[in-house]
Amino acid sequence: MGATGATGNALLHSLLTLGTPVRALTRTPHRPIPGITGAHQPPVEVQYADATDPHSLRAAFKGARQLFLALANSPAQVELETRVIDIAAHTGIGHIVKISAPAAEPDSPVAISRGHHAVEEHLRASGLTHTILRPYAFMQNLLRLAPTVAQGIILGTAGGAPFNHIDCRDIGDIAAAALTRPDIAGGTYTVTGPEAVSYPELASRLTTLTGNEIRYVNLTPDELRNNLIHKAHIPTWLADHVTEIQQLAITRPETPTTTVIDILGRPPRTLDAFLHEHHAHFCR
């Protein structure tokens, strides 16, 4: 599930590289899935599925042995993902790989992470084999900073706290390993890139990359939240989430893990390589 999302699409490419038969589930099967063509062997089976539509889930899961579960964060996430798990169990799926969050704890100060914990507990109680992936911030989400970077600033409320970042393509490769290697299935893995980088350091690297001065502006949590709601026009719950995870980075310093190299036998993609790859997005 989530074949058009950042992690789901990365996984789709990883599975195709391995030659693994795969069914791509999407709410918009009439639209092309990024990077997927009819020339792929084995061919990708595309099918409609919507987590709000139980009938579509039962039809989409029929005949499948494993499920990758990556729904977009939202206030309805617990309800939707627990429904998916229940229907998967009743239709014969035996293994679920779920994208979760690093701070998935019952008392986490991050509301979305508390939701992930609830889903993880439901998955454990289901009796299904399950693999939990807890990736930190997606490098791909840094592309959303482009509008303010074009103005010469990065806004945040984390001061100099370092952040782990992970390229979604590495998450896709880890998920593919969990779906195709019995030695990986059943574990819980925290996934990061090779280094933790603060926003001031990110601003410095973007300055070097673009040739334009980019500076970091540290706001209070309320200032950042209001900016996200009223200027970036994002939903209140998402503004709360961004603010909460930045504050968590202060109280719980982030450090890289060795998960990628331990499982894949290679180092994770670097932040500098990602920024260079997407240089055009950050130029004025």
C-alpha atoms as a PDB file:
ATOM      1  CA  MET A   1       0.000   0.000   0.000  1.00  0.00           C
ATOM      2  CA  GLY A   2       1.213   3.478  -0.827  1.00  0.00           C
ATOM      3  CA  ALA A   3       2.724   2.640  -4.224  1.00  0.00           C
ATOM      4  CA  THR A   4       2.722   6.299  -5.282  1.00  0.00           C
ATOM      5  CA  GLY A   5       4.163   7.590  -1.993  1.00  0.00           C
ATOM      6  CA  ALA A   6       7.820   8.276  -1.313  1.00  0.00           C
ATOM      7  CA  THR A   7       8.617   5.028   0.507  1.00  0.00           C
ATOM      8  CA  GLY A   8       6.118   2.819  -1.302  1.00  0.00           C
ATOM      9  CA  ASN A   9       7.350   3.879  -4.713  1.00  0.00           C
ATOM     10  CA  ALA A  10      10.964   3.379  -3.644  1.00  0.00           C
ATOM     11  CA  LEU A  11      10.074  -0.127  -2.453  1.00  0.00           C
ATOM     12  CA  LEU A  12       8.322  -0.860  -5.737  1.00  0.00           C
ATOM     13  CA  HIS A  13      11.517  -0.065  -7.626  1.00  0.00           C
ATOM     14  CA  SER A  14      13.584  -2.163  -5.207  1.00  0.00           C
ATOM     15  CA  LEU A  15      11.308  -5.189  -5.639  1.00  0.00           C
ATOM     16  CA  LEU A  16      11.350  -4.857  -9.421  1.00  0.00           C
ATOM     17  CA  THR A  17      15.142  -4.749  -9.354  1.00  0.00           C
ATOM     18  CA  LEU A  18      15.052  -8.046  -7.451  1.00  0.00           C
ATOM     19  CA  GLY A  19      12.585  -9.537  -9.937  1.00  0.00           C
ATOM     20  CA  THR A  20       9.936 -10.004  -7.260  1.00  0.00           C
ATOM     21  CA  PRO A  21       6.268 -10.257  -8.306  1.00  0.00           C
ATOM     22  CA  VAL A  22       4.459  -7.272  -6.811  1.00  0.00           C
ATOM     23  CA  ARG A  23       0.981  -5.781  -6.709  1.00  0.00           C
ATOM     24  CA  ALA A  24       0.961  -1.994  -6.484  1.00  0.00           C
ATOM     25  CA  LEU A  25      -2.031  -0.666  -4.572  1.00  0.00           C
ATOM     26  CA  THR A  26      -3.252   2.861  -5.182  1.00  0.00           C
ATOM     27  CA  ARG A  27      -6.377   4.972  -4.873  1.00  0.00           C
ATOM     28  CA  THR A  28      -5.783   6.215  -8.433  1.00  0.00           C
ATOM     29  CA  PRO A  29      -5.039   3.121 -10.576  1.00  0.00           C
ATOM     30  CA  HIS A  30      -5.888   5.057 -13.747  1.00  0.00           C
ATOM     31  CA  ARG A  31      -2.864   7.312 -13.239  1.00  0.00           C
ATOM     32  CA  PRO A  32       0.694   6.252 -14.106  1.00  0.00           C
ATOM     33  CA  ILE A  33       2.806   5.177 -11.152  1.00  0.00           C
ATOM     34  CA  PRO A  34       6.102   7.123 -11.136  1.00  0.00           C
ATOM     35  CA  GLY A  35       8.922   5.256 -12.832  1.00  0.00           C
ATOM     36  CA  ILE A  36       6.836   2.184 -13.692  1.00  0.00           C
ATOM     37  CA  THR A  37       6.302   1.042 -17.286  1.00  0.00           C
ATOM     38  CA  GLY A  38       4.780  -1.968 -19.001  1.00  0.00           C
ATOM     39  CA  ALA A  39       8.284  -3.123 -19.922  1.00  0.00           C
ATOM     40  CA  HIS A  40       9.122  -4.224 -16.380  1.00  0.00           C
ATOM     41  CA  GLN A  41       9.611  -7.945 -15.885  1.00  0.00           C
ATOM     42  CA  PRO A  42       7.866  -9.268 -13.942  1.00  0.00           C
ATOM     43  CA  PRO A  43       5.103  -6.827 -14.814  1.00  0.00           C
ATOM     44  CA  VAL A  44       3.603  -4.710 -12.048  1.00  0.00           C
ATOM     45  CA  GLU A  45       0.027  -5.556 -11.192  1.00  0.00           C
ATOM     46  CA  VAL A  46      -1.772  -2.305 -10.338  1.00  0.00           C
ATOM     47  CA  GLN A  47      -4.983  -2.465  -8.323  1.00  0.00           C
ATOM     48  CA  TYR A  48      -7.324  -0.035  -6.621  1.00  0.00           C
ATOM     49  CA  ALA A  49      -7.272   0.037  -2.824  1.00  0.00           C
ATOM     50  CA  ASP A  50      -8.438   2.664  -0.363  1.00  0.00           C
ATOM     51  CA  ALA A  51      -8.018   2.235   3.393  1.00  0.00           C
ATOM     52  CA  THR A  52     -11.436   3.850   3.902  1.00  0.00           C
ATOM     53  CA  ASP A  53     -13.064   1.179   1.689  1.00  0.00           C
ATOM     54  CA  PRO A  54     -12.958  -2.305   3.322  1.00  0.00           C
ATOM     55  CA  HIS A  55     -14.338  -3.992   0.191  1.00  0.00           C
ATOM     56  CA  SER A  56     -11.461  -2.630  -1.901  1.00  0.00           C
ATOM     57  CA  LEU A  57      -8.964  -3.913   0.654  1.00  0.00           C
ATOM     58  CA  ARG A  58     -10.406  -7.424   0.671  1.00  0.00           C
ATOM     59  CA  ALA A  59     -10.250  -7.538  -3.129  1.00  0.00           C
ATOM     60  CA  ALA A  60      -6.734  -6.065  -3.276  1.00  0.00           C
ATOM     61  CA  PHE A  61      -5.289  -8.437  -0.681  1.00  0.00           C
ATOM     62  CA  LYS A  62      -6.708 -11.605  -2.254  1.00  0.00           C
ATOM     63  CA  GLY A  63      -3.921 -14.029  -3.131  1.00  0.00           C
ATOM     64  CA  ALA A  64      -1.152 -11.928  -1.567  1.00  0.00           C
ATOM     65  CA  ARG A  65       1.265 -13.379   0.984  1.00  0.00           C
ATOM     66  CA  GLN A  66       2.849 -10.196   2.340  1.00  0.00           C
ATOM     67  CA  LEU A  67       1.864  -6.549   2.701  1.00  0.00           C
ATOM     68  CA  PHE A  68       3.848  -3.336   2.883  1.00  0.00           C
ATOM     69  CA  LEU A  69       1.873  -0.820   4.923  1.00  0.00           C
ATOM     70  CA  ALA A  70       2.760   2.860   4.561  1.00  0.00           C
ATOM     71  CA  LEU A  71      -0.189   5.217   4.879  1.00  0.00           C
ATOM     72  CA  ALA A  72       0.332   8.957   5.015  1.00  0.00           C
ATOM     73  CA  ASN A  73       0.428  10.436   8.495  1.00  0.00           C
ATOM     74  CA  SER A  74      -2.970  11.820   9.455  1.00  0.00           C
ATOM     75  CA  PRO A  75      -5.335  12.104  12.422  1.00  0.00           C
ATOM     76  CA  ALA A  76      -7.159   9.017  11.055  1.00  0.00           C
ATOM     77  CA  GLN A  77      -4.022   6.893  10.768  1.00  0.00           C
ATOM     78  CA  VAL A  78      -4.686   4.594  13.731  1.00  0.00           C
ATOM     79  CA  GLU A  79      -8.219   3.815  12.581  1.00  0.00           C
ATOM     80  CA  LEU A  80      -7.162   3.199   8.989  1.00  0.00           C
ATOM     81  CA  GLU A  81      -4.051   1.128   9.659  1.00  0.00           C
ATOM     82  CA  THR A  82      -5.712  -1.098  12.258  1.00  0.00           C
ATOM     83  CA  ARG A  83      -8.510  -1.759   9.744  1.00  0.00           C
ATOM     84  CA  VAL A  84      -5.919  -2.682   7.116  1.00  0.00           C
ATOM     85  CA  ILE A  85      -4.217  -5.073   9.545  1.00  0.00           C
ATOM     86  CA  ASP A  86      -7.487  -6.780  10.483  1.00  0.00           C
ATOM     87  CA  ILE A  87      -8.543  -7.272   6.870  1.00  0.00           C
ATOM     88  CA  ALA A  88      -5.071  -8.485   5.918  1.00  0.00           C
ATOM     89  CA  ALA A  89      -5.229 -11.100   8.671  1.00  0.00           C
ATOM     90  CA  HIS A  90      -8.649 -12.303   7.519  1.00  0.00           C
ATOM     91  CA  THR A  91      -7.624 -12.548   3.849  1.00  0.00           C
ATOM     92  CA  GLY A  92      -4.597 -14.758   4.448  1.00  0.00           C
ATOM     93  CA  ILE A  93      -1.691 -12.326   4.429  1.00  0.00           C
ATOM     94  CA  GLY A  94       0.975 -13.715   6.724  1.00  0.00           C
ATOM     95  CA  HIS A  95       3.555 -10.927   7.020  1.00  0.00           C
ATOM     96  CA  ILE A  96       3.191  -7.146   7.245  1.00  0.00           C
ATOM     97  CA  VAL A  97       6.046  -4.675   6.948  1.00  0.00           C
ATOM     98  CA  LYS A  98       4.927  -1.422   8.555  1.00  0.00           C
ATOM     99  CA  ILE A  99       6.473   2.012   8.326  1.00  0.00           C
ATOM    100  CA  SER A 100       6.402   3.477  11.825  1.00  0.00           C
ATOM    101  CA  ALA A 101       8.254   6.255  13.670  1.00  0.00           C
ATOM    102  CA  PRO A 102      11.382   6.342  15.859  1.00  0.00           C
ATOM    103  CA  ALA A 103       9.556   7.696  18.925  1.00  0.00           C
ATOM    104  CA  ALA A 104       6.663   5.221  18.694  1.00  0.00           C
ATOM    105  CA  GLU A 105       5.935   5.122  22.412  1.00  0.00           C
ATOM    106  CA  PRO A 106       2.713   5.376  24.444  1.00  0.00           C
ATOM    107  CA  ASP A 107       3.862   8.570  26.171  1.00  0.00           C
ATOM    108  CA  SER A 108       5.706  10.166  23.237  1.00  0.00           C
ATOM    109  CA  PRO A 109       5.433  13.973  23.090  1.00  0.00           C
ATOM    110  CA  VAL A 110       4.748  13.556  19.354  1.00  0.00           C
ATOM    111  CA  ALA A 111       1.074  12.763  18.735  1.00  0.00           C
ATOM    112  CA  ILE A 112       1.678  10.961  15.438  1.00  0.00           C
ATOM    113  CA  SER A 113       4.275   8.754  17.147  1.00  0.00           C
ATOM    114  CA  ARG A 114       1.762   7.790  19.837  1.00  0.00           C
ATOM    115  CA  GLY A 115      -0.522   6.731  17.000  1.00  0.00           C
ATOM    116  CA  HIS A 116       2.223   4.608  15.450  1.00  0.00           C
ATOM    117  CA  HIS A 117       2.733   2.924  18.823  1.00  0.00           C
ATOM    118  CA  ALA A 118      -0.963   2.048  18.976  1.00  0.00           C
ATOM    119  CA  VAL A 119      -0.804   0.531  15.487  1.00  0.00           C
ATOM    120  CA  GLU A 120       2.359  -1.408  16.347  1.00  0.00           C
ATOM    121  CA  GLU A 121       0.594  -2.869  19.403  1.00  0.00           C
ATOM    122  CA  HIS A 122      -2.398  -3.845  17.270  1.00  0.00           C
ATOM    123  CA  LEU A 123      -0.068  -5.494  14.768  1.00  0.00           C
ATOM    124  CA  ARG A 124       1.679  -7.468  17.519  1.00  0.00           C
ATOM    125  CA  ALA A 125      -1.686  -8.639  18.853  1.00  0.00           C
ATOM    126  CA  SER A 126      -2.793  -9.764  15.371  1.00  0.00           C
ATOM    127  CA  GLY A 127      -0.593 -12.846  15.439  1.00  0.00           C
ATOM    128  CA  LEU A 128       0.840 -11.993  12.023  1.00  0.00           C
ATOM    129  CA  THR A 129       4.555 -12.016  11.361  1.00  0.00           C
ATOM    130  CA  HIS A 130       5.471  -8.344  11.335  1.00  0.00           C
ATOM    131  CA  THR A 131       8.496  -6.201  10.607  1.00  0.00           C
ATOM    132  CA  ILE A 132       8.592  -2.652  11.947  1.00  0.00           C
ATOM    133  CA  LEU A 133      10.674  -0.004  10.183  1.00  0.00           C
ATOM    134  CA  ARG A 134      11.216   3.209  12.123  1.00  0.00           C
ATOM    135  CA  PRO A 135      12.852   5.655   9.732  1.00  0.00           C
ATOM    136  CA  TYR A 136      13.828   9.168  10.727  1.00  0.00           C
ATOM    137  CA  ALA A 137      13.132  12.238   8.574  1.00  0.00           C
ATOM    138  CA  PHE A 138      13.005  11.606   4.830  1.00  0.00           C
ATOM    139  CA  MET A 139      15.597  13.472   2.800  1.00  0.00           C
ATOM    140  CA  GLN A 140      12.900  13.837   0.145  1.00  0.00           C
ATOM    141  CA  ASN A 141      10.918  16.042   2.542  1.00  0.00           C
ATOM    142  CA  LEU A 142      13.748  18.580   2.465  1.00  0.00           C
ATOM    143  CA  LEU A 143      12.561  19.500  -1.013  1.00  0.00           C
ATOM    144  CA  ARG A 144       9.615  21.194   0.709  1.00  0.00           C
ATOM    145  CA  LEU A 145      12.065  23.767   2.066  1.00  0.00           C
ATOM    146  CA  ALA A 146      12.761  25.036  -1.461  1.00  0.00           C
ATOM    147  CA  PRO A 147      10.338  28.028  -1.300  1.00  0.00           C
ATOM    148  CA  THR A 148      11.985  29.502   1.810  1.00  0.00           C
ATOM    149  CA  VAL A 149      15.478  28.523   0.657  1.00  0.00           C
ATOM    150  CA  ALA A 150      14.750  30.603  -2.441  1.00  0.00           C
ATOM    151  CA  GLN A 151      14.222  33.522  -0.044  1.00  0.00           C
ATOM    152  CA  GLY A 152      17.550  32.802   1.647  1.00  0.00           C
ATOM    153  CA  ILE A 153      16.226  31.293   4.879  1.00  0.00           C
ATOM    154  CA  ILE A 154      15.357  28.029   6.609  1.00  0.00           C
ATOM    155  CA  LEU A 155      12.858  28.292   9.450  1.00  0.00           C
ATOM    156  CA  GLY A 156      12.797  25.977  12.436  1.00  0.00           C
ATOM    157  CA  THR A 157      12.530  25.713  16.185  1.00  0.00           C
ATOM    158  CA  ALA A 158      15.246  23.179  16.996  1.00  0.00           C
ATOM    159  CA  GLY A 159      18.212  25.504  17.472  1.00  0.00           C
ATOM    160  CA  GLY A 160      21.405  23.592  16.765  1.00  0.00           C
ATOM    161  CA  ALA A 161      19.943  20.133  17.468  1.00  0.00           C
ATOM    162  CA  PRO A 162      21.058  17.545  14.908  1.00  0.00           C
ATOM    163  CA  PHE A 163      18.530  15.604  12.809  1.00  0.00           C
ATOM    164  CA  ASN A 164      18.882  12.160  11.321  1.00  0.00           C
ATOM    165  CA  HIS A 165      17.837  12.021   7.676  1.00  0.00           C
ATOM    166  CA  ILE A 166      17.333   8.976   5.493  1.00  0.00           C
ATOM    167  CA  ASP A 167      16.897   8.689   1.737  1.00  0.00           C
ATOM    168  CA  CYS A 168      13.584   6.977   0.943  1.00  0.00           C
ATOM    169  CA  ARG A 169      15.398   4.775  -1.549  1.00  0.00           C
ATOM    170  CA  ASP A 170      17.333   3.247   1.340  1.00  0.00           C
ATOM    171  CA  ILE A 171      14.064   2.647   3.190  1.00  0.00           C
ATOM    172  CA  GLY A 172      12.760   0.932   0.059  1.00  0.00           C
ATOM    173  CA  ASP A 173      15.798  -1.336  -0.066  1.00  0.00           C
ATOM    174  CA  ILE A 174      15.427  -2.203   3.637  1.00  0.00           C
ATOM    175  CA  ALA A 175      11.718  -2.966   3.162  1.00  0.00           C
ATOM    176  CA  ALA A 176      12.525  -5.140   0.152  1.00  0.00           C
ATOM    177  CA  ALA A 177      15.006  -7.075   2.270  1.00  0.00           C
ATOM    178  CA  ALA A 178      12.357  -7.588   4.949  1.00  0.00           C
ATOM    179  CA  LEU A 179       9.934  -8.924   2.329  1.00  0.00           C
ATOM    180  CA  THR A 180      12.396 -11.247   0.604  1.00  0.00           C
ATOM    181  CA  ARG A 181      14.829 -12.369   3.313  1.00  0.00           C
ATOM    182  CA  PRO A 182      13.561 -14.543   6.180  1.00  0.00           C
ATOM    183  CA  ASP A 183      16.532 -13.496   8.321  1.00  0.00           C
ATOM    184  CA  ILE A 184      15.305  -9.895   8.302  1.00  0.00           C
ATOM    185  CA  ALA A 185      11.554 -10.488   8.664  1.00  0.00           C
ATOM    186  CA  GLY A 186      10.148 -10.136  12.156  1.00  0.00           C
ATOM    187  CA  GLY A 187      12.516  -7.481  13.480  1.00  0.00           C
ATOM    188  CA  THR A 188      12.148  -3.851  14.509  1.00  0.00           C
ATOM    189  CA  TYR A 189      14.652  -1.541  12.831  1.00  0.00           C
ATOM    190  CA  THR A 190      15.457   2.142  13.348  1.00  0.00           C
ATOM    191  CA  VAL A 191      16.698   3.527  10.032  1.00  0.00           C
ATOM    192  CA  THR A 192      18.883   6.596   9.486  1.00  0.00           C
ATOM    193  CA  GLY A 193      21.407   7.998   7.095  1.00  0.00           C
ATOM    194  CA  PRO A 194      25.124   8.145   7.955  1.00  0.00           C
ATOM    195  CA  GLU A 195      25.071  11.428   9.912  1.00  0.00           C
ATOM    196  CA  ALA A 196      22.865  13.751  11.933  1.00  0.00           C
ATOM    197  CA  VAL A 197      22.859  17.326  10.640  1.00  0.00           C
ATOM    198  CA  SER A 198      21.449  20.473  12.277  1.00  0.00           C
ATOM    199  CA  TYR A 199      19.473  23.121  10.432  1.00  0.00           C
ATOM    200  CA  PRO A 200      22.301  25.673  10.762  1.00  0.00           C
ATOM    201  CA  GLU A 201      24.651  23.122   9.157  1.00  0.00           C
ATOM    202  CA  LEU A 202      22.065  22.371   6.456  1.00  0.00           C
ATOM    203  CA  ALA A 203      21.853  26.106   5.711  1.00  0.00           C
ATOM    204  CA  SER A 204      25.652  26.228   5.422  1.00  0.00           C
ATOM    205  CA  ARG A 205      25.725  23.297   3.015  1.00  0.00           C
ATOM    206  CA  LEU A 206      22.967  24.796   0.880  1.00  0.00           C
ATOM    207  CA  THR A 207      24.883  28.086   0.803  1.00  0.00           C
ATOM    208  CA  THR A 208      27.901  26.262  -0.587  1.00  0.00           C
ATOM    209  CA  LEU A 209      25.765  24.243  -3.003  1.00  0.00           C
ATOM    210  CA  THR A 210      23.751  27.116  -4.449  1.00  0.00           C
ATOM    211  CA  GLY A 211      26.235  29.968  -4.171  1.00  0.00           C
ATOM    212  CA  ASN A 212      23.510  31.968  -2.415  1.00  0.00           C
ATOM    213  CA  GLU A 213      23.589  32.842   1.269  1.00  0.00           C
ATOM    214  CA  ILE A 214      21.100  30.675   3.156  1.00  0.00           C
ATOM    215  CA  ARG A 215      20.679  31.326   6.868  1.00  0.00           C
ATOM    216  CA  TYR A 216      18.801  29.480   9.557  1.00  0.00           C
ATOM    217  CA  VAL A 217      16.197  31.445  11.542  1.00  0.00           C
ATOM    218  CA  ASN A 218      15.281  29.904  14.873  1.00  0.00           C
ATOM    219  CA  LEU A 219      11.697  30.593  15.962  1.00  0.00           C
ATOM    220  CA  THR A 220       9.788  29.759  19.092  1.00  0.00           C
ATOM    221  CA  PRO A 221       7.510  26.707  18.758  1.00  0.00           C
ATOM    222  CA  ASP A 222       4.433  28.936  18.603  1.00  0.00           C
ATOM    223  CA  GLU A 223       6.024  31.154  15.948  1.00  0.00           C
ATOM    224  CA  LEU A 224       6.913  28.184  13.766  1.00  0.00           C
ATOM    225  CA  ARG A 225       3.477  26.626  14.212  1.00  0.00           C
ATOM    226  CA  ASN A 226       1.722  29.871  13.251  1.00  0.00           C
ATOM    227  CA  ASN A 227       4.011  30.353  10.256  1.00  0.00           C
ATOM    228  CA  LEU A 228       3.244  26.851   8.999  1.00  0.00           C
ATOM    229  CA  ILE A 229      -0.497  27.328   9.394  1.00  0.00           C
ATOM    230  CA  HIS A 230      -0.896  30.862   8.111  1.00  0.00           C
ATOM    231  CA  LYS A 231       1.917  31.208   5.570  1.00  0.00           C
ATOM    232  CA  ALA A 232       2.634  27.645   4.424  1.00  0.00           C
ATOM    233  CA  HIS A 233      -1.106  26.847   4.686  1.00  0.00           C
ATOM    234  CA  ILE A 234      -0.671  23.348   6.057  1.00  0.00           C
ATOM    235  CA  PRO A 235      -3.260  21.672   8.323  1.00  0.00           C
ATOM    236  CA  THR A 236      -3.089  22.417  12.035  1.00  0.00           C
ATOM    237  CA  TRP A 237      -2.352  18.798  12.955  1.00  0.00           C
ATOM    238  CA  LEU A 238       0.625  18.750  10.570  1.00  0.00           C
ATOM    239  CA  ALA A 239       1.954  22.057  11.913  1.00  0.00           C
ATOM    240  CA  ASP A 240       1.712  20.563  15.391  1.00  0.00           C
ATOM    241  CA  HIS A 241       3.587  17.464  14.202  1.00  0.00           C
ATOM    242  CA  VAL A 242       6.455  19.421  12.639  1.00  0.00           C
ATOM    243  CA  THR A 243       6.794  21.526  15.788  1.00  0.00           C
ATOM    244  CA  GLU A 244       6.680  18.493  18.069  1.00  0.00           C
ATOM    245  CA  ILE A 245       9.374  16.533  16.238  1.00  0.00           C
ATOM    246  CA  GLN A 246      11.681  19.541  16.171  1.00  0.00           C
ATOM    247  CA  GLN A 247      11.268  20.039  19.911  1.00  0.00           C
ATOM    248  CA  LEU A 248      11.872  16.320  20.470  1.00  0.00           C
ATOM    249  CA  ALA A 249      15.224  16.604  18.690  1.00  0.00           C
ATOM    250  CA  ILE A 250      16.301  19.038  21.412  1.00  0.00           C
ATOM    251  CA  THR A 251      15.270  16.878  24.356  1.00  0.00           C
ATOM    252  CA  ARG A 252      16.307  13.600  22.725  1.00  0.00           C
ATOM    253  CA  PRO A 253      19.419  14.166  20.579  1.00  0.00           C
ATOM    254  CA  GLU A 254      19.408  12.119  17.384  1.00  0.00           C
ATOM    255  CA  THR A 255      22.321   9.881  16.460  1.00  0.00           C
ATOM    256  CA  PRO A 256      22.769   7.664  13.385  1.00  0.00           C
ATOM    257  CA  THR A 257      22.228   3.918  13.434  1.00  0.00           C
ATOM    258  CA  THR A 258      24.066   1.227  11.453  1.00  0.00           C
ATOM    259  CA  THR A 259      20.864  -0.453  10.204  1.00  0.00           C
ATOM    260  CA  VAL A 260      21.430   0.197   6.494  1.00  0.00           C
ATOM    261  CA  ILE A 261      24.954  -1.182   6.374  1.00  0.00           C
ATOM    262  CA  ASP A 262      24.050  -4.064   8.716  1.00  0.00           C
ATOM    263  CA  ILE A 263      21.188  -5.240   6.490  1.00  0.00           C
ATOM    264  CA  LEU A 264      22.259  -4.161   3.015  1.00  0.00           C
ATOM    265  CA  GLY A 265      26.023  -4.469   3.359  1.00  0.00           C
ATOM    266  CA  ARG A 266      26.580  -0.966   2.019  1.00  0.00           C
ATOM    267  CA  PRO A 267      26.532   2.511   3.562  1.00  0.00           C
ATOM    268  CA  PRO A 268      23.372   4.615   3.348  1.00  0.00           C
ATOM    269  CA  ARG A 269      23.083   7.426   0.850  1.00  0.00           C
ATOM    270  CA  THR A 270      24.489  10.702   2.147  1.00  0.00           C
ATOM    271  CA  LEU A 271      22.755  14.025   2.634  1.00  0.00           C
ATOM    272  CA  ASP A 272      25.351  15.793   0.494  1.00  0.00           C
ATOM    273  CA  ALA A 273      24.733  13.395  -2.392  1.00  0.00           C
ATOM    274  CA  PHE A 274      20.988  13.983  -2.102  1.00  0.00           C
ATOM    275  CA  LEU A 275      21.378  17.768  -2.080  1.00  0.00           C
ATOM    276  CA  HIS A 276      23.661  17.661  -5.129  1.00  0.00           C
ATOM    277  CA  GLU A 277      21.218  15.368  -6.944  1.00  0.00           C
ATOM    278  CA  HIS A 278      18.420  17.889  -6.345  1.00  0.00           C
ATOM    279  CA  HIS A 279      20.522  21.011  -6.755  1.00  0.00           C
ATOM    280  CA  ALA A 280      18.021  22.607  -9.136  1.00  0.00           C
ATOM    281  CA  HIS A 281      15.248  22.538  -6.526  1.00  0.00           C
ATOM    282  CA  PHE A 282      17.184  24.810  -4.209  1.00  0.00           C
ATOM    283  CA  CYS A 283      18.436  27.367  -6.712  1.00  0.00           C
ATOM    284  CA  ARG A 284      16.690  30.715  -7.099  1.00  0.00           C
END
